C-alpha atoms as a PDB file:
ATOM      1  CA  MET A   1      -0.088   0.182  -0.279  1.00  0.00           C
ATOM      2  CA  SER A   2       1.558   3.188  -1.084  1.00  0.00           C
ATOM      3  CA  MET A   3       2.281   5.877   1.863  1.00  0.00           C
ATOM      4  CA  ALA A   4      -1.242   9.358   1.522  1.00  0.00           C
ATOM      5  CA  ALA A   5      -1.392  12.349   3.259  1.00  0.00           C
ATOM      6  CA  GLU A   6      -5.287  11.861   4.033  1.00  0.00           C
ATOM      7  CA  MET A   7      -8.090   8.948   3.951  1.00  0.00           C
ATOM      8  CA  GLN A   8     -11.594   9.574   2.810  1.00  0.00           C
ATOM      9  CA  ILE A   9     -14.346   9.409   5.603  1.00  0.00           C
ATOM     10  CA  ALA A  10     -17.476   8.509   4.681  1.00  0.00           C
ATOM     11  CA  LEU A  11     -19.649   8.262   8.127  1.00  0.00           C
ATOM     12  CA  ARG A  12     -23.294   6.907   7.369  1.00  0.00           C
ATOM     13  CA  LEU A  13     -26.926   6.521   9.535  1.00  0.00           C
ATOM     14  CA  PRO A  14     -29.423   4.715   8.179  1.00  0.00           C
ATOM     15  CA  SER A  15     -31.014   6.442   6.102  1.00  0.00           C
ATOM     16  CA  ARG A  16     -28.394   9.214   5.053  1.00  0.00           C
ATOM     17  CA  ILE A  17     -24.970  10.301   4.574  1.00  0.00           C
ATOM     18  CA  LEU A  18     -23.804  11.839   7.082  1.00  0.00           C
ATOM     19  CA  PHE A  19     -20.192  13.137   6.880  1.00  0.00           C
ATOM     20  CA  GLN A  20     -18.543  12.429   3.325  1.00  0.00           C
ATOM     21  CA  GLY A  21     -14.844  13.733   2.774  1.00  0.00           C
ATOM     22  CA  PRO A  22     -10.273  14.330   3.415  1.00  0.00           C
ATOM     23  CA  ALA A  23      -9.411  13.366   6.538  1.00  0.00           C
ATOM     24  CA  ILE A  24      -5.669  13.766   7.987  1.00  0.00           C
ATOM     25  CA  ARG A  25      -6.842  12.220  11.415  1.00  0.00           C
ATOM     26  CA  LEU A  26     -10.229  10.088  13.232  1.00  0.00           C
ATOM     27  CA  ALA A  27     -10.581   9.603  16.717  1.00  0.00           C
ATOM     28  CA  ALA A  28     -13.718   7.610  17.938  1.00  0.00           C
ATOM     29  CA  THR A  29     -14.066   4.231  20.676  1.00  0.00           C
ATOM     30  CA  ALA A  30     -14.880   1.617  20.712  1.00  0.00           C
ATOM     31  CA  GLU A  31     -15.711  -1.549  23.577  1.00  0.00           C
ATOM     32  CA  ASP A  32     -12.474  -1.527  24.494  1.00  0.00           C
ATOM     33  CA  GLY A  33     -11.835   1.984  24.594  1.00  0.00           C
ATOM     34  CA  SER A  34     -10.836   4.781  22.860  1.00  0.00           C
ATOM     35  CA  PHE A  35      -8.401   5.269  19.371  1.00  0.00           C
ATOM     36  CA  GLY A  36      -7.086   6.932  16.750  1.00  0.00           C
ATOM     37  CA  ILE A  37      -6.302   6.366  12.803  1.00  0.00           C
ATOM     38  CA  LEU A  38      -3.755   8.001  11.073  1.00  0.00           C
ATOM     39  CA  PRO A  39      -4.272   7.593   6.840  1.00  0.00           C
ATOM     40  CA  ASN A  40      -1.688   5.017   7.089  1.00  0.00           C
ATOM     41  CA  HIS A  41      -2.982   2.632   9.655  1.00  0.00           C
ATOM     42  CA  VAL A  42      -3.031  -0.902   9.239  1.00  0.00           C
ATOM     43  CA  ASP A  43      -6.456  -2.077   8.173  1.00  0.00           C
ATOM     44  CA  PHE A  44      -9.211  -3.144  10.684  1.00  0.00           C
ATOM     45  CA  VAL A  45     -12.880  -3.513  11.926  1.00  0.00           C
ATOM     46  CA  THR A  46     -14.223  -2.652  14.864  1.00  0.00           C
ATOM     47  CA  ALA A  47     -17.443  -1.781  16.582  1.00  0.00           C
ATOM     48  CA  LEU A  48     -18.173   1.512  18.230  1.00  0.00           C
ATOM     49  CA  VAL A  49     -19.792   2.335  21.714  1.00  0.00           C
ATOM     50  CA  PRO A  50     -22.406   5.546  21.716  1.00  0.00           C
ATOM     51  CA  SER A  51     -19.715   8.357  21.961  1.00  0.00           C
ATOM     52  CA  VAL A  52     -17.734  11.326  20.355  1.00  0.00           C
ATOM     53  CA  LEU A  53     -16.351  10.973  17.114  1.00  0.00           C
ATOM     54  CA  LEU A  54     -13.803  13.674  15.911  1.00  0.00           C
ATOM     55  CA  ILE A  55     -12.901  13.735  11.873  1.00  0.00           C
ATOM     56  CA  THR A  56      -9.950  16.508  11.681  1.00  0.00           C
ATOM     57  CA  ALA A  57      -9.879  17.306   8.647  1.00  0.00           C
ATOM     58  CA  PRO A  58      -6.788  18.101   5.960  1.00  0.00           C
ATOM     59  CA  ASP A  59      -6.665  22.574   6.788  1.00  0.00           C
ATOM     60  CA  GLY A  60      -6.853  21.105  10.955  1.00  0.00           C
ATOM     61  CA  HIS A  61     -10.383  21.831  11.008  1.00  0.00           C
ATOM     62  CA  GLU A  62     -11.685  19.686  13.407  1.00  0.00           C
ATOM     63  CA  ARG A  63     -15.427  18.275  12.685  1.00  0.00           C
ATOM     64  CA  VAL A  64     -17.173  17.131  16.037  1.00  0.00           C
ATOM     65  CA  PHE A  65     -19.624  14.168  15.850  1.00  0.00           C
ATOM     66  CA  GLY A  66     -21.926  12.574  18.912  1.00  0.00           C
ATOM     67  CA  ILE A  67     -23.016   8.585  17.771  1.00  0.00           C
ATOM     68  CA  ASP A  68     -25.223   5.950  18.669  1.00  0.00           C
ATOM     69  CA  ALA A  69     -23.567   2.098  18.865  1.00  0.00           C
ATOM     70  CA  GLY A  70     -21.658   1.230  14.626  1.00  0.00           C
ATOM     71  CA  LEU A  71     -19.239  -0.267  13.198  1.00  0.00           C
ATOM     72  CA  LEU A  72     -15.952   1.275  11.729  1.00  0.00           C
ATOM     73  CA  VAL A  73     -14.293  -1.102   9.137  1.00  0.00           C
ATOM     74  CA  LYS A  74     -10.889   0.838   7.726  1.00  0.00           C
ATOM     75  CA  LYS A  75      -9.246  -0.639   4.391  1.00  0.00           C
ATOM     76  CA  GLY A  76      -6.265   1.097   2.413  1.00  0.00           C
ATOM     77  CA  HIS A  77      -7.122   4.691   2.287  1.00  0.00           C
ATOM     78  CA  ALA A  78     -11.106   4.895   3.269  1.00  0.00           C
ATOM     79  CA  VAL A  79     -12.791   4.621   6.468  1.00  0.00           C
ATOM     80  CA  GLU A  80     -16.506   3.141   6.233  1.00  0.00           C
ATOM     81  CA  ILE A  81     -18.508   4.173   9.563  1.00  0.00           C
ATOM     82  CA  ALA A  82     -22.207   2.707   9.789  1.00  0.00           C
ATOM     83  CA  VAL A  83     -23.893   4.151  13.078  1.00  0.00           C
ATOM     84  CA  ARG A  84     -27.619   3.603  13.664  1.00  0.00           C
ATOM     85  CA  ARG A  85     -27.724   7.714  14.446  1.00  0.00           C
ATOM     86  CA  GLY A  86     -25.412  10.164  14.272  1.00  0.00           C
ATOM     87  CA  VAL A  87     -25.925  14.017  15.156  1.00  0.00           C
ATOM     88  CA  PRO A  88     -23.387  16.260  13.845  1.00  0.00           C
ATOM     89  CA  SER A  89     -22.055  19.584  16.381  1.00  0.00           C
ATOM     90  CA  ASP A  90     -19.779  22.610  15.374  1.00  0.00           C
ATOM     91  CA  SER A  91     -18.153  22.124  18.576  1.00  0.00           C
ATOM     92  CA  LEU A  92     -17.800  19.372  21.824  1.00  0.00           C
ATOM     93  CA  GLU A  93     -18.672  21.962  23.845  1.00  0.00           C
ATOM     94  CA  ASN A  94     -22.154  21.950  22.671  1.00  0.00           C
ATOM     95  CA  LEU A  95     -22.283  18.034  21.595  1.00  0.00           C
ATOM     96  CA  HIS A  96     -23.921  17.556  24.495  1.00  0.00           C
ATOM     97  CA  ASP A  97     -27.121  19.643  23.902  1.00  0.00           C
ATOM     98  CA  THR A  98     -26.603  18.854  20.666  1.00  0.00           C
ATOM     99  CA  VAL A  99     -27.054  14.651  20.542  1.00  0.00           C
ATOM    100  CA  GLY A 100     -29.752  15.200  24.099  1.00  0.00           C
ATOM    101  CA  ARG A 101     -31.685  17.311  22.028  1.00  0.00           C
ATOM    102  CA  THR A 102     -31.892  15.336  18.768  1.00  0.00           C
ATOM    103  CA  PHE A 103     -31.772  11.548  20.617  1.00  0.00           C
ATOM    104  CA  ALA A 104     -34.802  12.129  22.200  1.00  0.00           C
ATOM    105  CA  GLU A 105     -36.575  13.655  18.510  1.00  0.00           C
ATOM    106  CA  VAL A 106     -35.480  10.593  17.002  1.00  0.00           C
ATOM    107  CA  ALA A 107     -37.010   8.241  20.665  1.00  0.00           C
ATOM    108  CA  ASP A 108     -40.223  10.030  20.592  1.00  0.00           C
ATOM    109  CA  ASP A 109     -40.760   9.138  16.572  1.00  0.00           C
ATOM    110  CA  GLU A 110     -39.964   5.969  17.313  1.00  0.00           C
ATOM    111  CA  ARG A 111     -42.202   5.441  19.911  1.00  0.00           C
ATOM    112  CA  ALA A 112     -45.003   6.435  17.478  1.00  0.00           C
ATOM    113  CA  ALA A 113     -43.791   4.296  15.053  1.00  0.00           C
ATOM    114  CA  ARG A 114     -44.229   1.727  17.176  1.00  0.00           C
ATOM    115  CA  ALA A 115     -47.894   2.456  18.441  1.00  0.00           C
ATOM    116  CA  ALA A 116     -48.826   2.505  14.745  1.00  0.00           C
ATOM    117  CA  LEU A 117     -47.234  -0.601  14.317  1.00  0.00           C
ATOM    118  CA  SER A 118     -48.868  -2.107  17.130  1.00  0.00           C
ATOM    119  CA  ARG A 119     -52.070  -1.352  16.346  1.00  0.00           C
ATOM    120  CA  LEU A 120     -51.951  -1.969  12.679  1.00  0.00           C
ATOM    121  CA  GLU A 121     -51.067  -5.551  13.995  1.00  0.00           C
ATOM    122  CA  ALA A 122     -53.632  -5.870  16.610  1.00  0.00           C
ATOM    123  CA  ASP A 123     -56.055  -4.415  13.551  1.00  0.00           C
ATOM    124  CA  MET A 124     -54.443  -7.747  11.262  1.00  0.00           C
ATOM    125  CA  VAL A 125     -55.431 -10.567  14.537  1.00  0.00           C
ATOM    126  CA  ARG A 126     -58.327  -8.924  14.227  1.00  0.00           C
ATOM    127  CA  ARG A 127     -59.488  -9.246  10.759  1.00  0.00           C
ATOM    128  CA  PHE A 128     -57.864 -13.371  11.025  1.00  0.00           C
ATOM    129  CA  SER A 129     -60.066 -13.838  13.607  1.00  0.00           C
ATOM    130  CA  ASN A 130     -62.748 -13.197  11.483  1.00  0.00           C
ATOM    131  CA  LEU A 131     -62.364 -14.747   9.011  1.00  0.00           C
ATOM    132  CA  ARG A 132     -61.841 -18.485  10.560  1.00  0.00           C
ATOM    133  CA  ARG A 133     -65.705 -18.286  12.392  1.00  0.00           C
ATOM    134  CA  PRO A 134     -68.002 -19.725  10.401  1.00  0.00           C
ATOM    135  CA  GLN A 135     -70.912 -17.361   8.727  1.00  0.00           C
ATOM    136  CA  PRO A 136     -74.224 -17.925   9.083  1.00  0.00           C
END
């Protein structure tokens, strides 16, 4: 593998790409602790825990993301990260409020979706039970 000055990072949510671009450094947290990746790091795969993900752009600007559990795959000069939920923040200081607000909204949406699904399932069961009844 050739030596590179930067790596390409893609941070994906189930519904969209949260970040995609070049980076010179990445810091994340796995089940066994925090770690960092530079462009020529050895290839590997790890499970991420809910934590802060830091991506340093080639110009030195640091991007901050609050993430839920996910998976990180480093292969060559590409890093693919898939997380269930994630939010960008302009700074580490504001991340706590941003994560709390955004994840609470998502939790409310998930709760409403589960309630709607339960109603749909109950309606299906009622309809199937009516099919089994003998007709007069």
